[in-house]
């Protein structure tokens, strides 16, 4: 929520000094002001919303629960951002065309994380080639396009109410020099998102917004995000709360997902047995959100699942 205190940053989060017009980029005679948007509150708010959506993007692909959070927003030149990524190996650069025109935004994804996602998606263990290849395979490019489209959708939903901007994924590149729509001296607003599975090592995904393309939307982006609002009618709020609490949501649990070859599948007939196995804990889902884990048993003569843990952030997603 906008007016609530910020959630404490995860311990593995990268702390970065925020660059604003009043801080790092002090006005210099003859120099171009990199940040015309002031305190960047609007970008911080949008990043927080996108961080929640990142979980919904990556959990189906990685087939595991993940944590996601937003890093501090920065303003830099595109060449400076690229210089900071030197030595990180294979990287995917995907232009995200803005419906309002101008230079596209740029989605930046670590190549090793993309290859890990590809392997997990096809039932592997997340193996990554060592050393990394110099370019992406056709399968990796297909996964990258799918991932970019999946990120563009919630990004459009986040920007729509504020500035009416929608995003569409373009052709990915492995070299930022191939992005002809942006120059090294162009100023960009850099937003970063952390993604981590359980307590694993995080990876970071960047979305860069060209300052020039967003200048027409400066009035919306410089408006204070939080302010005093009228107090809702208590009766209206009470009635709305009662109505919401009656909404029914499907609850399901996946006990096992056996895998068989196509040859075995084609030879199956009535009476055949497909062996399955599952551990002491099974995942429990509410609609498309993971609730937590539980153990299988019986209650009142019926099969049941006893909840033993609830995933952090579940309540926040449904608020």
C-alpha atoms as a PDB file:
ATOM      1  CA  UNK A   1       0.000   0.000   0.000  1.00  0.00           C
ATOM      2  CA  UNK A   2       1.266   3.490  -0.824  1.00  0.00           C
ATOM      3  CA  UNK A   3       0.840   5.042   2.596  1.00  0.00           C
ATOM      4  CA  UNK A   4       2.179   2.131   4.624  1.00  0.00           C
ATOM      5  CA  UNK A   5       5.848   1.880   5.681  1.00  0.00           C
ATOM      6  CA  UNK A   6       8.132   0.215   3.190  1.00  0.00           C
ATOM      7  CA  UNK A   7       8.758  -3.511   3.626  1.00  0.00           C
ATOM      8  CA  UNK A   8      12.279  -4.185   4.972  1.00  0.00           C
ATOM      9  CA  UNK A   9      14.686  -5.138   2.212  1.00  0.00           C
ATOM     10  CA  UNK A  10      15.828  -8.755   1.978  1.00  0.00           C
ATOM     11  CA  UNK A  11      19.343  -9.387   3.236  1.00  0.00           C
ATOM     12  CA  UNK A  12      20.514 -10.359  -0.262  1.00  0.00           C
ATOM     13  CA  UNK A  13      19.205  -7.159  -1.804  1.00  0.00           C
ATOM     14  CA  UNK A  14      21.621  -4.857  -3.614  1.00  0.00           C
ATOM     15  CA  UNK A  15      21.716  -1.453  -1.973  1.00  0.00           C
ATOM     16  CA  UNK A  16      22.186   1.287  -4.542  1.00  0.00           C
ATOM     17  CA  UNK A  17      22.365   5.028  -3.963  1.00  0.00           C
ATOM     18  CA  UNK A  18      19.349   6.667  -5.540  1.00  0.00           C
ATOM     19  CA  UNK A  19      20.241   9.220  -8.163  1.00  0.00           C
ATOM     20  CA  UNK A  20      17.907  12.174  -8.347  1.00  0.00           C
ATOM     21  CA  UNK A  21      18.001  15.673  -9.723  1.00  0.00           C
ATOM     22  CA  UNK A  22      18.604  17.041  -6.246  1.00  0.00           C
ATOM     23  CA  UNK A  23      21.216  14.479  -5.215  1.00  0.00           C
ATOM     24  CA  UNK A  24      23.807  12.903  -7.487  1.00  0.00           C
ATOM     25  CA  UNK A  25      23.050  14.888 -10.634  1.00  0.00           C
ATOM     26  CA  UNK A  26      23.630  18.419  -9.470  1.00  0.00           C
ATOM     27  CA  UNK A  27      22.893  20.919 -12.212  1.00  0.00           C
ATOM     28  CA  UNK A  28      26.066  21.917 -14.063  1.00  0.00           C
ATOM     29  CA  UNK A  29      26.339  24.862 -16.420  1.00  0.00           C
ATOM     30  CA  UNK A  30      25.943  23.586 -19.985  1.00  0.00           C
ATOM     31  CA  UNK A  31      25.060  20.041 -18.862  1.00  0.00           C
ATOM     32  CA  UNK A  32      21.784  18.243 -19.540  1.00  0.00           C
ATOM     33  CA  UNK A  33      19.644  17.400 -16.518  1.00  0.00           C
ATOM     34  CA  UNK A  34      19.334  13.609 -16.519  1.00  0.00           C
ATOM     35  CA  UNK A  35      16.277  13.508 -14.271  1.00  0.00           C
ATOM     36  CA  UNK A  36      13.358  15.861 -14.984  1.00  0.00           C
ATOM     37  CA  UNK A  37      10.992  13.826 -12.773  1.00  0.00           C
ATOM     38  CA  UNK A  38      12.016  15.050  -9.323  1.00  0.00           C
ATOM     39  CA  UNK A  39      11.879  12.587  -6.437  1.00  0.00           C
ATOM     40  CA  UNK A  40      10.846   9.564  -8.583  1.00  0.00           C
ATOM     41  CA  UNK A  41       7.961   8.628  -6.241  1.00  0.00           C
ATOM     42  CA  UNK A  42       5.831   7.533  -9.211  1.00  0.00           C
ATOM     43  CA  UNK A  43       8.544   5.154 -10.432  1.00  0.00           C
ATOM     44  CA  UNK A  44       9.014   3.739  -6.928  1.00  0.00           C
ATOM     45  CA  UNK A  45       5.273   3.089  -6.704  1.00  0.00           C
ATOM     46  CA  UNK A  46       5.169   1.410 -10.126  1.00  0.00           C
ATOM     47  CA  UNK A  47       8.191  -0.739  -9.255  1.00  0.00           C
ATOM     48  CA  UNK A  48       6.523  -1.932  -6.069  1.00  0.00           C
ATOM     49  CA  UNK A  49       3.443  -3.002  -8.042  1.00  0.00           C
ATOM     50  CA  UNK A  50       5.581  -4.740 -10.663  1.00  0.00           C
ATOM     51  CA  UNK A  51       7.546  -6.621  -7.999  1.00  0.00           C
ATOM     52  CA  UNK A  52       4.332  -8.355  -6.900  1.00  0.00           C
ATOM     53  CA  UNK A  53       3.543  -9.264 -10.511  1.00  0.00           C
ATOM     54  CA  UNK A  54       6.999 -10.769 -11.046  1.00  0.00           C
ATOM     55  CA  UNK A  55       6.080 -13.678  -8.772  1.00  0.00           C
ATOM     56  CA  UNK A  56       3.114 -14.534 -10.980  1.00  0.00           C
ATOM     57  CA  UNK A  57       5.363 -14.404 -14.068  1.00  0.00           C
ATOM     58  CA  UNK A  58       8.193 -16.611 -12.804  1.00  0.00           C
ATOM     59  CA  UNK A  59       6.563 -19.183 -10.507  1.00  0.00           C
ATOM     60  CA  UNK A  60       4.831 -21.099 -13.366  1.00  0.00           C
ATOM     61  CA  UNK A  61       8.086 -21.112 -15.373  1.00  0.00           C
ATOM     62  CA  UNK A  62      10.437 -22.036 -12.539  1.00  0.00           C
ATOM     63  CA  UNK A  63       7.866 -24.452 -11.036  1.00  0.00           C
ATOM     64  CA  UNK A  64       8.690 -23.278  -7.526  1.00  0.00           C
ATOM     65  CA  UNK A  65       7.787 -20.486  -5.121  1.00  0.00           C
ATOM     66  CA  UNK A  66       9.871 -17.336  -5.486  1.00  0.00           C
ATOM     67  CA  UNK A  67      10.470 -14.105  -3.629  1.00  0.00           C
ATOM     68  CA  UNK A  68      10.445 -10.813  -5.549  1.00  0.00           C
ATOM     69  CA  UNK A  69      11.171  -7.236  -4.559  1.00  0.00           C
ATOM     70  CA  UNK A  70      11.946  -3.834  -6.082  1.00  0.00           C
ATOM     71  CA  UNK A  71      15.370  -2.187  -5.827  1.00  0.00           C
ATOM     72  CA  UNK A  72      15.909   1.595  -5.510  1.00  0.00           C
ATOM     73  CA  UNK A  73      15.286   3.493  -8.742  1.00  0.00           C
ATOM     74  CA  UNK A  74      18.261   5.128 -10.496  1.00  0.00           C
ATOM     75  CA  UNK A  75      18.777   7.625 -13.303  1.00  0.00           C
ATOM     76  CA  UNK A  76      21.845   7.092 -15.482  1.00  0.00           C
ATOM     77  CA  UNK A  77      23.062   7.316 -19.046  1.00  0.00           C
ATOM     78  CA  UNK A  78      22.584   4.162 -21.096  1.00  0.00           C
ATOM     79  CA  UNK A  79      26.343   3.853 -21.643  1.00  0.00           C
ATOM     80  CA  UNK A  80      26.921   4.066 -17.891  1.00  0.00           C
ATOM     81  CA  UNK A  81      24.399   1.308 -17.245  1.00  0.00           C
ATOM     82  CA  UNK A  82      25.992  -0.930 -19.899  1.00  0.00           C
ATOM     83  CA  UNK A  83      29.444  -0.298 -18.430  1.00  0.00           C
ATOM     84  CA  UNK A  84      28.177  -1.514 -15.066  1.00  0.00           C
ATOM     85  CA  UNK A  85      27.208  -4.852 -16.647  1.00  0.00           C
ATOM     86  CA  UNK A  86      30.587  -5.535 -18.261  1.00  0.00           C
ATOM     87  CA  UNK A  87      31.987  -8.871 -17.227  1.00  0.00           C
ATOM     88  CA  UNK A  88      28.592 -10.349 -16.337  1.00  0.00           C
ATOM     89  CA  UNK A  89      28.612 -12.669 -19.362  1.00  0.00           C
ATOM     90  CA  UNK A  90      25.753 -13.434 -21.728  1.00  0.00           C
ATOM     91  CA  UNK A  91      22.898 -10.941 -21.325  1.00  0.00           C
ATOM     92  CA  UNK A  92      19.522 -10.579 -23.042  1.00  0.00           C
ATOM     93  CA  UNK A  93      18.374  -7.100 -24.128  1.00  0.00           C
ATOM     94  CA  UNK A  94      14.732  -6.913 -25.220  1.00  0.00           C
ATOM     95  CA  UNK A  95      13.139  -3.656 -26.456  1.00  0.00           C
ATOM     96  CA  UNK A  96       9.642  -2.983 -25.110  1.00  0.00           C
ATOM     97  CA  UNK A  97       7.814  -0.680 -27.528  1.00  0.00           C
ATOM     98  CA  UNK A  98       5.760   2.070 -25.880  1.00  0.00           C
ATOM     99  CA  UNK A  99       2.262   2.617 -27.261  1.00  0.00           C
ATOM    100  CA  UNK A 100       2.806   6.372 -26.813  1.00  0.00           C
ATOM    101  CA  UNK A 101       5.798   6.337 -29.181  1.00  0.00           C
ATOM    102  CA  UNK A 102       9.408   7.349 -28.685  1.00  0.00           C
ATOM    103  CA  UNK A 103      12.388   5.164 -27.839  1.00  0.00           C
ATOM    104  CA  UNK A 104      11.395   1.776 -26.421  1.00  0.00           C
ATOM    105  CA  UNK A 105      11.975   0.662 -22.867  1.00  0.00           C
ATOM    106  CA  UNK A 106      14.554  -2.116 -22.484  1.00  0.00           C
ATOM    107  CA  UNK A 107      14.206  -5.352 -20.541  1.00  0.00           C
ATOM    108  CA  UNK A 108      17.575  -6.712 -19.361  1.00  0.00           C
ATOM    109  CA  UNK A 109      17.828 -10.350 -18.219  1.00  0.00           C
ATOM    110  CA  UNK A 110      20.914 -12.276 -17.147  1.00  0.00           C
ATOM    111  CA  UNK A 111      21.712 -15.003 -19.682  1.00  0.00           C
ATOM    112  CA  UNK A 112      22.558 -17.648 -17.069  1.00  0.00           C
ATOM    113  CA  UNK A 113      19.196 -17.119 -15.370  1.00  0.00           C
ATOM    114  CA  UNK A 114      17.399 -17.414 -18.720  1.00  0.00           C
ATOM    115  CA  UNK A 115      19.122 -20.734 -19.478  1.00  0.00           C
ATOM    116  CA  UNK A 116      18.329 -21.981 -15.970  1.00  0.00           C
ATOM    117  CA  UNK A 117      14.663 -21.049 -16.492  1.00  0.00           C
ATOM    118  CA  UNK A 118      14.650 -22.863 -19.838  1.00  0.00           C
ATOM    119  CA  UNK A 119      16.035 -26.050 -18.284  1.00  0.00           C
ATOM    120  CA  UNK A 120      13.574 -25.960 -15.372  1.00  0.00           C
ATOM    121  CA  UNK A 121      10.632 -25.300 -17.690  1.00  0.00           C
ATOM    122  CA  UNK A 122      11.357 -28.492 -19.636  1.00  0.00           C
ATOM    123  CA  UNK A 123      11.651 -30.613 -16.497  1.00  0.00           C
ATOM    124  CA  UNK A 124      15.367 -30.302 -15.792  1.00  0.00           C
ATOM    125  CA  UNK A 125      17.167 -29.319 -12.607  1.00  0.00           C
ATOM    126  CA  UNK A 126      18.144 -25.821 -13.701  1.00  0.00           C
ATOM    127  CA  UNK A 127      21.493 -26.814 -15.225  1.00  0.00           C
ATOM    128  CA  UNK A 128      23.422 -23.969 -16.888  1.00  0.00           C
ATOM    129  CA  UNK A 129      26.231 -24.538 -19.450  1.00  0.00           C
ATOM    130  CA  UNK A 130      29.712 -23.724 -18.151  1.00  0.00           C
ATOM    131  CA  UNK A 131      31.124 -21.748 -19.782  1.00  0.00           C
ATOM    132  CA  UNK A 132      28.130 -19.808 -21.069  1.00  0.00           C
ATOM    133  CA  UNK A 133      27.611 -19.775 -24.841  1.00  0.00           C
ATOM    134  CA  UNK A 134      28.309 -16.587 -26.767  1.00  0.00           C
ATOM    135  CA  UNK A 135      24.754 -16.395 -28.128  1.00  0.00           C
ATOM    136  CA  UNK A 136      21.292 -17.746 -27.416  1.00  0.00           C
ATOM    137  CA  UNK A 137      19.977 -20.924 -29.015  1.00  0.00           C
ATOM    138  CA  UNK A 138      16.613 -20.870 -30.844  1.00  0.00           C
ATOM    139  CA  UNK A 139      15.007 -22.527 -27.789  1.00  0.00           C
ATOM    140  CA  UNK A 140      16.487 -19.889 -25.474  1.00  0.00           C
ATOM    141  CA  UNK A 141      15.273 -17.106 -27.773  1.00  0.00           C
ATOM    142  CA  UNK A 142      11.773 -18.619 -27.769  1.00  0.00           C
ATOM    143  CA  UNK A 143      11.794 -18.704 -23.961  1.00  0.00           C
ATOM    144  CA  UNK A 144      13.086 -15.118 -23.888  1.00  0.00           C
ATOM    145  CA  UNK A 145      10.255 -13.929 -26.135  1.00  0.00           C
ATOM    146  CA  UNK A 146       7.720 -15.751 -23.968  1.00  0.00           C
ATOM    147  CA  UNK A 147       9.198 -14.239 -20.827  1.00  0.00           C
ATOM    148  CA  UNK A 148       9.272 -10.731 -22.317  1.00  0.00           C
ATOM    149  CA  UNK A 149       5.600 -10.977 -23.334  1.00  0.00           C
ATOM    150  CA  UNK A 150       4.699 -12.228 -19.860  1.00  0.00           C
ATOM    151  CA  UNK A 151       6.456  -9.234 -18.266  1.00  0.00           C
ATOM    152  CA  UNK A 152       5.025  -6.714 -20.752  1.00  0.00           C
ATOM    153  CA  UNK A 153       1.446  -7.565 -19.753  1.00  0.00           C
ATOM    154  CA  UNK A 154       1.614  -6.595 -16.038  1.00  0.00           C
ATOM    155  CA  UNK A 155       3.905  -3.704 -16.984  1.00  0.00           C
ATOM    156  CA  UNK A 156       1.136  -2.340 -19.221  1.00  0.00           C
ATOM    157  CA  UNK A 157      -1.393  -2.863 -16.430  1.00  0.00           C
ATOM    158  CA  UNK A 158       0.813  -0.918 -14.019  1.00  0.00           C
ATOM    159  CA  UNK A 159       1.412   2.019 -16.375  1.00  0.00           C
ATOM    160  CA  UNK A 160      -2.075   2.151 -17.872  1.00  0.00           C
ATOM    161  CA  UNK A 161      -3.906   3.979 -15.040  1.00  0.00           C
ATOM    162  CA  UNK A 162      -1.043   6.461 -14.563  1.00  0.00           C
ATOM    163  CA  UNK A 163       0.001   7.418 -18.086  1.00  0.00           C
ATOM    164  CA  UNK A 164      -2.038   5.231 -20.459  1.00  0.00           C
ATOM    165  CA  UNK A 165       1.096   3.455 -21.741  1.00  0.00           C
ATOM    166  CA  UNK A 166       1.092  -0.124 -22.985  1.00  0.00           C
ATOM    167  CA  UNK A 167       4.203  -2.176 -23.815  1.00  0.00           C
ATOM    168  CA  UNK A 168       4.912  -4.745 -26.517  1.00  0.00           C
ATOM    169  CA  UNK A 169       7.996  -6.983 -26.586  1.00  0.00           C
ATOM    170  CA  UNK A 170      10.286  -6.706 -29.604  1.00  0.00           C
ATOM    171  CA  UNK A 171      13.182  -8.752 -30.985  1.00  0.00           C
ATOM    172  CA  UNK A 172      15.793  -9.691 -28.349  1.00  0.00           C
ATOM    173  CA  UNK A 173      19.510  -8.984 -28.746  1.00  0.00           C
ATOM    174  CA  UNK A 174      22.601 -10.332 -26.995  1.00  0.00           C
ATOM    175  CA  UNK A 175      24.551  -7.086 -27.574  1.00  0.00           C
ATOM    176  CA  UNK A 176      23.282  -3.662 -26.444  1.00  0.00           C
ATOM    177  CA  UNK A 177      25.110  -2.059 -29.369  1.00  0.00           C
ATOM    178  CA  UNK A 178      22.509  -3.659 -31.655  1.00  0.00           C
ATOM    179  CA  UNK A 179      19.734  -1.586 -30.071  1.00  0.00           C
ATOM    180  CA  UNK A 180      19.579   1.168 -32.661  1.00  0.00           C
ATOM    181  CA  UNK A 181      16.685   3.035 -31.009  1.00  0.00           C
ATOM    182  CA  UNK A 182      18.795   4.225 -28.062  1.00  0.00           C
ATOM    183  CA  UNK A 183      22.149   6.011 -27.847  1.00  0.00           C
ATOM    184  CA  UNK A 184      24.809   5.647 -25.187  1.00  0.00           C
ATOM    185  CA  UNK A 185      24.356   9.264 -24.064  1.00  0.00           C
ATOM    186  CA  UNK A 186      20.592   8.908 -23.644  1.00  0.00           C
ATOM    187  CA  UNK A 187      19.377   9.219 -20.061  1.00  0.00           C
ATOM    188  CA  UNK A 188      17.384   6.268 -18.702  1.00  0.00           C
ATOM    189  CA  UNK A 189      15.410   5.580 -15.540  1.00  0.00           C
ATOM    190  CA  UNK A 190      16.630   2.179 -14.342  1.00  0.00           C
ATOM    191  CA  UNK A 191      14.281   0.012 -12.278  1.00  0.00           C
ATOM    192  CA  UNK A 192      15.559  -3.281 -10.877  1.00  0.00           C
ATOM    193  CA  UNK A 193      13.725  -6.333  -9.525  1.00  0.00           C
ATOM    194  CA  UNK A 194      15.177  -9.135  -7.422  1.00  0.00           C
ATOM    195  CA  UNK A 195      14.000 -12.718  -7.982  1.00  0.00           C
ATOM    196  CA  UNK A 196      14.997 -15.581  -5.682  1.00  0.00           C
ATOM    197  CA  UNK A 197      13.684 -19.100  -5.055  1.00  0.00           C
ATOM    198  CA  UNK A 198      13.301 -19.782  -1.311  1.00  0.00           C
ATOM    199  CA  UNK A 199      16.653 -18.843   0.243  1.00  0.00           C
ATOM    200  CA  UNK A 200      18.608 -19.257  -2.988  1.00  0.00           C
ATOM    201  CA  UNK A 201      20.917 -16.732  -4.591  1.00  0.00           C
ATOM    202  CA  UNK A 202      18.914 -13.941  -6.274  1.00  0.00           C
ATOM    203  CA  UNK A 203      19.049 -12.783  -9.853  1.00  0.00           C
ATOM    204  CA  UNK A 204      18.209  -9.240 -10.940  1.00  0.00           C
ATOM    205  CA  UNK A 205      16.050  -8.101 -13.841  1.00  0.00           C
ATOM    206  CA  UNK A 206      16.245  -4.512 -15.097  1.00  0.00           C
ATOM    207  CA  UNK A 207      13.740  -2.409 -17.000  1.00  0.00           C
ATOM    208  CA  UNK A 208      15.145   0.818 -18.469  1.00  0.00           C
ATOM    209  CA  UNK A 209      12.892   3.717 -19.458  1.00  0.00           C
ATOM    210  CA  UNK A 210      14.343   6.373 -21.800  1.00  0.00           C
ATOM    211  CA  UNK A 211      13.827   9.767 -20.171  1.00  0.00           C
ATOM    212  CA  UNK A 212      13.083  11.415 -23.536  1.00  0.00           C
ATOM    213  CA  UNK A 213      10.228   8.974 -24.260  1.00  0.00           C
ATOM    214  CA  UNK A 214       8.613   9.673 -20.870  1.00  0.00           C
ATOM    215  CA  UNK A 215       8.916  13.475 -20.914  1.00  0.00           C
ATOM    216  CA  UNK A 216       5.415  13.915 -22.450  1.00  0.00           C
ATOM    217  CA  UNK A 217       4.084  12.146 -19.334  1.00  0.00           C
ATOM    218  CA  UNK A 218       6.049  14.310 -16.883  1.00  0.00           C
ATOM    219  CA  UNK A 219       2.887  15.859 -15.310  1.00  0.00           C
ATOM    220  CA  UNK A 220       1.597  12.406 -14.313  1.00  0.00           C
ATOM    221  CA  UNK A 221       5.029  11.175 -13.208  1.00  0.00           C
ATOM    222  CA  UNK A 222       5.742  14.223 -11.038  1.00  0.00           C
ATOM    223  CA  UNK A 223       2.374  14.140  -9.272  1.00  0.00           C
ATOM    224  CA  UNK A 224       2.634  13.102  -5.637  1.00  0.00           C
ATOM    225  CA  UNK A 225       1.663   9.454  -5.382  1.00  0.00           C
ATOM    226  CA  UNK A 226       0.391   9.616  -1.841  1.00  0.00           C
ATOM    227  CA  UNK A 227      -1.733  12.343  -0.380  1.00  0.00           C
ATOM    228  CA  UNK A 228      -4.780  12.937   1.760  1.00  0.00           C
ATOM    229  CA  UNK A 229      -7.868  11.179   0.512  1.00  0.00           C
ATOM    230  CA  UNK A 230     -11.471  11.395   1.607  1.00  0.00           C
ATOM    231  CA  UNK A 231     -12.544   9.024   4.357  1.00  0.00           C
ATOM    232  CA  UNK A 232     -14.749   6.230   2.875  1.00  0.00           C
ATOM    233  CA  UNK A 233     -18.325   5.874   4.100  1.00  0.00           C
ATOM    234  CA  UNK A 234     -18.180   3.244   6.923  1.00  0.00           C
ATOM    235  CA  UNK A 235     -21.434   1.627   5.791  1.00  0.00           C
ATOM    236  CA  UNK A 236     -20.214   1.369   2.209  1.00  0.00           C
ATOM    237  CA  UNK A 237     -16.894  -0.116   3.348  1.00  0.00           C
ATOM    238  CA  UNK A 238     -18.656  -2.591   5.648  1.00  0.00           C
ATOM    239  CA  UNK A 239     -21.005  -3.712   2.888  1.00  0.00           C
ATOM    240  CA  UNK A 240     -18.141  -4.062   0.415  1.00  0.00           C
ATOM    241  CA  UNK A 241     -16.126  -6.098   2.923  1.00  0.00           C
ATOM    242  CA  UNK A 242     -19.044  -8.479   3.542  1.00  0.00           C
ATOM    243  CA  UNK A 243     -19.562  -8.908  -0.205  1.00  0.00           C
ATOM    244  CA  UNK A 244     -15.870  -9.612  -0.837  1.00  0.00           C
ATOM    245  CA  UNK A 245     -15.704 -12.162   1.962  1.00  0.00           C
ATOM    246  CA  UNK A 246     -18.409 -14.246   0.234  1.00  0.00           C
ATOM    247  CA  UNK A 247     -16.375 -14.633  -2.977  1.00  0.00           C
ATOM    248  CA  UNK A 248     -15.545 -18.305  -3.541  1.00  0.00           C
ATOM    249  CA  UNK A 249     -12.037 -19.277  -4.642  1.00  0.00           C
ATOM    250  CA  UNK A 250     -10.926 -22.754  -5.787  1.00  0.00           C
ATOM    251  CA  UNK A 251      -8.437 -24.510  -3.498  1.00  0.00           C
ATOM    252  CA  UNK A 252      -6.338 -27.320  -4.975  1.00  0.00           C
ATOM    253  CA  UNK A 253      -3.280 -29.388  -4.225  1.00  0.00           C
ATOM    254  CA  UNK A 254      -0.986 -31.219  -6.609  1.00  0.00           C
ATOM    255  CA  UNK A 255       0.005 -34.534  -5.040  1.00  0.00           C
ATOM    256  CA  UNK A 256       2.226 -35.710  -7.891  1.00  0.00           C
ATOM    257  CA  UNK A 257       3.131 -34.979 -11.500  1.00  0.00           C
ATOM    258  CA  UNK A 258       4.390 -38.257 -13.001  1.00  0.00           C
ATOM    259  CA  UNK A 259       6.309 -38.102 -16.258  1.00  0.00           C
ATOM    260  CA  UNK A 260       6.125 -40.818 -18.919  1.00  0.00           C
ATOM    261  CA  UNK A 261       7.617 -41.054 -22.376  1.00  0.00           C
ATOM    262  CA  UNK A 262       5.482 -40.648 -25.475  1.00  0.00           C
ATOM    263  CA  UNK A 263       6.022 -44.319 -26.299  1.00  0.00           C
ATOM    264  CA  UNK A 264       4.661 -45.452 -22.940  1.00  0.00           C
ATOM    265  CA  UNK A 265       1.775 -42.996 -23.232  1.00  0.00           C
ATOM    266  CA  UNK A 266       0.673 -44.387 -26.597  1.00  0.00           C
ATOM    267  CA  UNK A 267       0.704 -47.964 -25.246  1.00  0.00           C
ATOM    268  CA  UNK A 268      -1.432 -47.268 -22.167  1.00  0.00           C
ATOM    269  CA  UNK A 269      -4.668 -49.225 -21.850  1.00  0.00           C
ATOM    270  CA  UNK A 270      -7.386 -49.723 -19.270  1.00  0.00           C
ATOM    271  CA  UNK A 271      -6.062 -51.375 -16.136  1.00  0.00           C
ATOM    272  CA  UNK A 272      -2.481 -50.103 -16.500  1.00  0.00           C
ATOM    273  CA  UNK A 273      -0.943 -48.569 -13.406  1.00  0.00           C
ATOM    274  CA  UNK A 274       1.087 -45.348 -13.441  1.00  0.00           C
ATOM    275  CA  UNK A 275       3.257 -45.228 -10.299  1.00  0.00           C
ATOM    276  CA  UNK A 276       3.451 -41.918  -8.464  1.00  0.00           C
ATOM    277  CA  UNK A 277       5.428 -40.723  -5.486  1.00  0.00           C
ATOM    278  CA  UNK A 278       5.250 -37.603  -3.364  1.00  0.00           C
ATOM    279  CA  UNK A 279       7.000 -36.363  -0.275  1.00  0.00           C
ATOM    280  CA  UNK A 280       5.560 -35.629   3.153  1.00  0.00           C
ATOM    281  CA  UNK A 281       4.684 -32.086   2.051  1.00  0.00           C
ATOM    282  CA  UNK A 282       2.563 -31.069  -0.936  1.00  0.00           C
ATOM    283  CA  UNK A 283       1.862 -27.576  -2.331  1.00  0.00           C
ATOM    284  CA  UNK A 284      -1.548 -25.976  -1.778  1.00  0.00           C
ATOM    285  CA  UNK A 285      -2.892 -23.340  -4.211  1.00  0.00           C
ATOM    286  CA  UNK A 286      -5.768 -20.859  -3.986  1.00  0.00           C
ATOM    287  CA  UNK A 287      -6.812 -19.793  -7.488  1.00  0.00           C
ATOM    288  CA  UNK A 288      -3.435 -19.081  -9.160  1.00  0.00           C
ATOM    289  CA  UNK A 289      -1.636 -18.122  -5.940  1.00  0.00           C
ATOM    290  CA  UNK A 290       0.422 -20.514  -3.856  1.00  0.00           C
ATOM    291  CA  UNK A 291      -0.970 -20.643  -0.300  1.00  0.00           C
ATOM    292  CA  UNK A 292       1.700 -22.836   1.270  1.00  0.00           C
ATOM    293  CA  UNK A 293       2.379 -26.504   1.975  1.00  0.00           C
ATOM    294  CA  UNK A 294       0.534 -29.244   3.834  1.00  0.00           C
ATOM    295  CA  UNK A 295       0.447 -32.924   4.678  1.00  0.00           C
ATOM    296  CA  UNK A 296      -2.058 -35.428   3.291  1.00  0.00           C
ATOM    297  CA  UNK A 297      -4.382 -37.239   5.693  1.00  0.00           C
ATOM    298  CA  UNK A 298      -8.058 -37.738   6.564  1.00  0.00           C
ATOM    299  CA  UNK A 299     -10.634 -35.716   8.487  1.00  0.00           C
ATOM    300  CA  UNK A 300     -14.180 -36.897   9.307  1.00  0.00           C
ATOM    301  CA  UNK A 301     -13.734 -39.881   7.019  1.00  0.00           C
ATOM    302  CA  UNK A 302     -12.683 -37.774   4.012  1.00  0.00           C
ATOM    303  CA  UNK A 303      -9.306 -37.096   2.404  1.00  0.00           C
ATOM    304  CA  UNK A 304      -7.873 -33.798   3.631  1.00  0.00           C
ATOM    305  CA  UNK A 305      -4.721 -31.718   3.766  1.00  0.00           C
ATOM    306  CA  UNK A 306      -3.383 -30.165   6.957  1.00  0.00           C
ATOM    307  CA  UNK A 307      -1.628 -26.831   6.382  1.00  0.00           C
ATOM    308  CA  UNK A 308       1.826 -26.743   7.948  1.00  0.00           C
ATOM    309  CA  UNK A 309       3.155 -23.506   6.400  1.00  0.00           C
ATOM    310  CA  UNK A 310       1.818 -20.429   4.619  1.00  0.00           C
ATOM    311  CA  UNK A 311       4.010 -18.621   2.099  1.00  0.00           C
ATOM    312  CA  UNK A 312       5.132 -15.091   3.047  1.00  0.00           C
ATOM    313  CA  UNK A 313       3.331 -12.424   1.027  1.00  0.00           C
ATOM    314  CA  UNK A 314       0.202 -14.503   0.386  1.00  0.00           C
ATOM    315  CA  UNK A 315      -2.070 -12.096   2.295  1.00  0.00           C
ATOM    316  CA  UNK A 316      -0.468  -9.107   0.559  1.00  0.00           C
ATOM    317  CA  UNK A 317      -1.283 -10.541  -2.862  1.00  0.00           C
ATOM    318  CA  UNK A 318      -4.977 -10.823  -1.968  1.00  0.00           C
ATOM    319  CA  UNK A 319      -5.318  -7.396  -0.341  1.00  0.00           C
END
